[in-house]
């Protein structure tokens, strides 16, 4: 019996030893498998990371290449566009410059002066002479300061420079200012050795004109300047052809 127990004890011890060894090797194997799995996992992660980096790098390179290609394409298109525009400009005929016509000078209208020419000259050679006098004849213009207001004493308008009056009997006659000895409408014929006869009608008055005054008559001219130019006609013979109207 004791022997049996000894064998049993030995068998249990051997079993325990075998169990312990088995557990040790199993645990070690599991640890190695775990370590290997962990290592494989880490390697796989690193590989995947490297692949991802490689892909990203490759993708960045592709993007950069696409951008460069796009820029190059734009440059080529711009160059082609410029070439086409240059060809179009060369093909277009150069427009001939149209000469600008010189502006036609606008003629400044010359104010029409009233006609001083006789409308009708009546030959008074054979007309009867009522009376005769002699004296100096001066001249005045419608613009003479203090002389006229653009009208004669009879109201005849001379503001436009007219110096003639149309009489129904004597035709176109000169206007003259005289003293009170000659009523308005009197027809006078004035002449001297150096002056052609002038037929005039009394339509105006003057304070320093008349018989016994410095000037016997004052003959109307186109302007005061013309009056100064005409001066004074001395020793004129004045013949009365008609006394008043």
Protein backbone atom coordinates (compact mmCIF):
# COMPACT_ATOMS: atom_id res chain seq x y z
CA UNK A 1 0.00 0.00 0.00
CA UNK A 2 2.74 2.32 0.82
CA UNK A 3 4.36 1.44 -2.43
CA UNK A 4 1.17 2.35 -4.22
CA UNK A 5 1.14 5.72 -2.67
CA UNK A 6 4.71 6.28 -3.65
CA UNK A 7 3.93 5.52 -7.24
CA UNK A 8 0.86 7.67 -7.13
CA UNK A 9 2.80 10.56 -5.67
CA UNK A 10 5.45 10.17 -8.33
CA UNK A 11 2.85 10.08 -11.05
CA UNK A 12 1.21 13.21 -9.73
CA UNK A 13 4.54 14.95 -9.50
CA UNK A 14 5.42 13.91 -13.05
CA UNK A 15 2.01 15.06 -14.22
CA UNK A 16 2.45 18.41 -12.49
CA UNK A 17 5.88 18.79 -13.96
CA UNK A 18 4.56 17.95 -17.41
CA UNK A 19 1.62 20.33 -16.88
CA UNK A 20 3.88 23.13 -15.76
CA UNK A 21 6.23 22.59 -18.70
CA UNK A 22 3.28 22.43 -21.06
CA UNK A 23 1.79 25.60 -19.63
CA UNK A 24 5.17 27.35 -19.86
CA UNK A 25 5.71 26.43 -23.50
CA UNK A 26 2.11 27.24 -24.36
CA UNK A 27 2.37 30.66 -22.71
CA UNK A 28 5.67 31.34 -24.39
CA UNK A 29 4.22 30.33 -27.72
CA UNK A 30 1.25 32.58 -27.18
CA UNK A 31 3.52 35.45 -26.23
CA UNK A 32 5.59 34.93 -29.33
CA UNK A 33 2.42 34.72 -31.47
CA UNK A 34 1.13 37.90 -29.81
CA UNK A 35 4.45 39.65 -30.29
CA UNK A 36 4.53 38.47 -33.87
CA UNK A 37 0.99 39.69 -34.45
CA UNK A 38 1.80 43.02 -32.85
CA UNK A 39 4.94 43.27 -34.91
CA UNK A 40 3.07 42.35 -38.05
CA UNK A 41 0.41 44.92 -37.18
CA UNK A 42 3.02 47.62 -36.62
CA UNK A 43 4.77 46.67 -39.84
CA UNK A 44 1.46 46.76 -41.68
CA UNK A 45 0.68 50.18 -40.23
CA UNK A 46 4.08 51.50 -41.19
CA UNK A 47 3.68 50.05 -44.67
CA UNK A 48 0.26 51.57 -45.03
CA UNK A 49 1.62 54.90 -43.78
CA UNK A 50 4.44 54.73 -46.28
CA UNK A 51 1.98 53.88 -49.05
CA UNK A 52 -0.26 56.76 -47.98
CA UNK A 53 2.69 59.14 -47.90
CA UNK A 54 3.78 57.87 -51.26
CA UNK A 55 0.30 58.31 -52.63
CA UNK A 56 0.04 61.82 -51.17
CA UNK A 57 3.42 62.72 -52.53
CA UNK A 58 2.49 61.23 -55.87
CA UNK A 59 -0.82 63.10 -55.76
CA UNK A 60 0.93 66.38 -54.94
CA UNK A 61 3.31 65.82 -57.81
CA UNK A 62 0.37 65.16 -60.09
CA UNK A 63 -1.34 68.34 -58.95
CA UNK A 64 1.82 70.34 -59.49
CA UNK A 65 2.24 68.78 -62.90
CA UNK A 66 -1.36 69.58 -63.78
CA UNK A 67 -0.90 73.18 -62.65
CA UNK A 68 2.28 73.51 -64.69
CA UNK A 69 0.58 71.93 -67.67
CA UNK A 70 -2.39 74.28 -67.29
CA UNK A 71 -0.09 77.31 -67.12
CA UNK A 72 1.82 76.15 -70.16
CA UNK A 73 -1.45 75.61 -72.00
CA UNK A 74 -2.57 79.12 -71.12
CA UNK A 75 0.72 80.55 -72.36
CA UNK A 76 0.42 78.62 -75.63
CA UNK A 77 -3.19 79.76 -76.10
CA UNK A 78 -2.21 83.38 -75.37
CA UNK A 79 0.68 83.15 -77.83
CA UNK A 80 -1.59 81.67 -80.51
CA UNK A 81 -4.18 84.37 -79.85
CA UNK A 82 -1.54 87.11 -80.26
CA UNK A 83 -0.30 85.52 -83.48
CA UNK A 84 -3.85 85.37 -84.87
CA UNK A 85 -4.46 89.02 -83.94
CA UNK A 86 -1.21 90.07 -85.59
CA UNK A 87 -2.15 88.19 -88.74
CA UNK A 88 -5.60 89.80 -88.76
CA UNK A 89 -4.04 93.24 -88.37
CA UNK A 90 -1.57 92.51 -91.15
CA UNK A 91 -4.38 91.29 -93.39
CA UNK A 92 -6.47 94.40 -92.83
CA UNK A 93 -5.74 97.18 -95.32
CA UNK A 94 -4.38 100.32 -93.77
CA UNK A 95 -7.19 102.85 -93.90
CA UNK A 96 -6.35 105.87 -95.97
CA UNK A 97 -6.67 108.91 -93.77
CA UNK A 98 -9.50 111.06 -94.97
CA UNK A 99 -8.24 114.60 -95.33
CA UNK A 100 -10.09 116.92 -93.06
CA UNK A 101 -11.67 119.58 -95.20
CA UNK A 102 -10.60 123.02 -94.28
CA UNK A 103 -13.43 124.98 -92.80
CA UNK A 104 -14.97 127.27 -95.33
CA UNK A 105 -14.52 130.77 -94.09
CA UNK A 106 -17.87 132.27 -93.33
CA UNK A 107 -18.20 135.53 -95.11
CA UNK A 108 -19.00 138.28 -92.70
CA UNK A 109 -22.12 139.95 -93.96
CA UNK A 110 -21.43 143.51 -94.91
CA UNK A 111 -24.17 145.75 -93.63
CA UNK A 112 -26.04 147.25 -96.50
CA UNK A 113 -25.79 150.96 -96.45
CA UNK A 114 -28.60 153.04 -97.86
CA UNK A 115 -28.08 154.09 -101.41
CA UNK A 116 -26.83 157.62 -101.79
CA UNK A 117 -27.23 157.63 -105.54
CA UNK A 118 -30.01 159.67 -107.11
CA UNK A 119 -33.02 157.58 -107.95
CA UNK A 120 -33.98 160.08 -110.60
CA UNK A 121 -32.14 163.20 -111.54
CA UNK A 122 -34.26 166.00 -112.88
CA UNK A 123 -32.62 168.50 -115.21
CA UNK A 124 -33.23 171.89 -113.57
CA UNK A 125 -31.28 173.97 -116.10
CA UNK A 126 -34.39 175.66 -117.49
CA UNK A 127 -36.24 175.90 -114.16
CA UNK A 128 -37.06 179.47 -113.11
CA UNK A 129 -34.93 180.91 -110.29
CA UNK A 130 -36.89 182.65 -107.52
CA UNK A 131 -33.94 184.24 -105.72
CA UNK A 132 -30.17 184.00 -105.45
CA UNK A 133 -27.76 184.28 -102.49
CA UNK A 134 -24.11 183.54 -101.76
CA UNK A 135 -22.40 182.04 -98.73
CA UNK A 136 -20.31 179.24 -97.23
CA UNK A 137 -21.73 175.74 -96.93
CA UNK A 138 -20.64 173.44 -94.11
CA UNK A 139 -21.41 169.74 -93.59
CA UNK A 140 -22.83 167.57 -90.76
CA UNK A 141 -23.65 163.90 -90.20
CA UNK A 142 -26.60 162.16 -88.58
CA UNK A 143 -24.27 161.02 -85.78
CA UNK A 144 -23.05 164.51 -85.00
CA UNK A 145 -23.10 164.92 -81.22
CA UNK A 146 -25.78 167.43 -80.22
CA UNK A 147 -26.71 168.08 -83.87
CA UNK A 148 -29.48 165.56 -84.46
CA UNK A 149 -31.37 162.78 -82.76
CA UNK A 150 -31.43 160.58 -85.87
CA UNK A 151 -34.14 162.69 -87.42
CA UNK A 152 -34.35 166.05 -89.09
CA UNK A 153 -36.37 168.93 -87.67
CA UNK A 154 -39.25 167.82 -89.92
CA UNK A 155 -39.12 164.28 -88.47
CA UNK A 156 -37.48 162.66 -91.50
CA UNK A 157 -35.45 159.60 -90.39
CA UNK A 158 -31.75 159.90 -91.23
CA UNK A 159 -30.43 157.49 -88.54
CA UNK A 160 -29.35 154.92 -91.16
CA UNK A 161 -27.08 157.44 -92.89
CA UNK A 162 -29.39 158.43 -95.74
CA UNK A 163 -28.69 161.85 -97.19
CA UNK A 164 -31.34 161.96 -99.94
CA UNK A 165 -35.01 162.74 -100.03
CA UNK A 166 -37.31 161.86 -102.91
CA UNK A 167 -39.36 164.80 -104.02
CA UNK A 168 -42.30 164.19 -106.40
CA UNK A 169 -41.19 167.06 -108.67
CA UNK A 170 -37.40 167.17 -108.35
CA UNK A 171 -36.75 163.47 -107.76
CA UNK A 172 -33.89 162.50 -105.46
CA UNK A 173 -32.43 165.57 -103.77
CA UNK A 174 -29.91 166.17 -100.97
CA UNK A 175 -31.04 167.14 -97.48
CA UNK A 176 -29.81 170.46 -96.17
CA UNK A 177 -30.25 172.48 -92.97
CA UNK A 178 -31.01 176.19 -93.46
CA UNK A 179 -32.02 179.31 -91.53
CA UNK A 180 -35.57 180.47 -90.97
CA UNK A 181 -35.52 182.51 -94.18
CA UNK A 182 -36.04 179.24 -96.06
CA UNK A 183 -39.20 177.32 -95.07
CA UNK A 184 -39.25 173.51 -94.98
CA UNK A 185 -39.55 171.99 -98.44
CA UNK A 186 -37.61 174.74 -100.19
CA UNK A 187 -35.61 173.48 -103.18
CA UNK A 188 -32.14 174.98 -103.52
CA UNK A 189 -29.49 174.64 -106.22
CA UNK A 190 -25.92 175.14 -104.92
CA UNK A 191 -22.81 175.48 -107.05
CA UNK A 192 -19.49 177.25 -107.46
CA UNK A 193 -16.66 177.22 -109.93
CA UNK A 194 -15.17 173.98 -108.55
CA UNK A 195 -18.35 172.13 -107.58
CA UNK A 196 -21.06 170.56 -109.73
CA UNK A 197 -24.58 171.80 -109.02
CA UNK A 198 -26.29 170.11 -106.02
CA UNK A 199 -30.07 170.06 -105.76
CA UNK A 200 -31.14 170.08 -102.09
CA UNK A 201 -34.30 170.36 -100.01
CA UNK A 202 -34.54 172.18 -96.70
CA UNK A 203 -35.66 169.65 -94.06
CA UNK A 204 -33.53 170.69 -91.07
CA UNK A 205 -32.48 173.69 -88.97
CA UNK A 206 -29.29 174.81 -87.25
CA UNK A 207 -28.60 177.43 -84.60
CA UNK A 208 -25.45 178.80 -86.28
CA UNK A 209 -26.78 178.55 -89.84
CA UNK A 210 -28.50 181.19 -91.90
CA UNK A 211 -28.11 184.59 -93.45
CA UNK A 212 -25.49 186.66 -91.63
CA UNK A 213 -24.14 183.58 -89.79
CA UNK A 214 -20.76 181.84 -90.18
CA UNK A 215 -22.30 179.23 -92.48
CA UNK A 216 -25.21 179.92 -94.82
CA UNK A 217 -26.22 176.25 -95.18
CA UNK A 218 -25.29 172.89 -93.58
CA UNK A 219 -25.37 170.00 -96.03
CA UNK A 220 -26.11 166.50 -94.66
CA UNK A 221 -23.42 163.79 -95.19
CA UNK A 222 -23.33 160.05 -94.45
CA UNK A 223 -21.56 160.53 -91.10
CA UNK A 224 -19.81 163.08 -88.97
CA UNK A 225 -16.46 161.74 -90.21
CA UNK A 226 -17.59 162.39 -93.79
CA UNK A 227 -18.57 165.90 -92.75
CA UNK A 228 -15.05 166.58 -91.45
CA UNK A 229 -13.62 165.11 -94.65
CA UNK A 230 -15.84 167.30 -96.84
CA UNK A 231 -14.90 170.44 -94.93
CA UNK A 232 -16.42 173.76 -95.97
CA UNK A 233 -17.41 174.86 -99.46
CA UNK A 234 -16.71 178.57 -99.77
CA UNK A 235 -18.48 181.14 -101.94
CA UNK A 236 -21.29 178.88 -103.01
CA UNK A 237 -24.06 180.32 -105.15
CA UNK A 238 -27.46 179.36 -103.73
CA UNK A 239 -30.46 179.60 -106.08
CA UNK A 240 -34.01 179.05 -104.88
CA UNK A 241 -36.04 176.94 -107.33
CA UNK A 242 -39.03 176.45 -105.05
CA UNK A 243 -39.98 178.26 -101.86
CA UNK A 244 -41.48 175.77 -99.42
CA UNK A 245 -43.71 172.87 -100.44
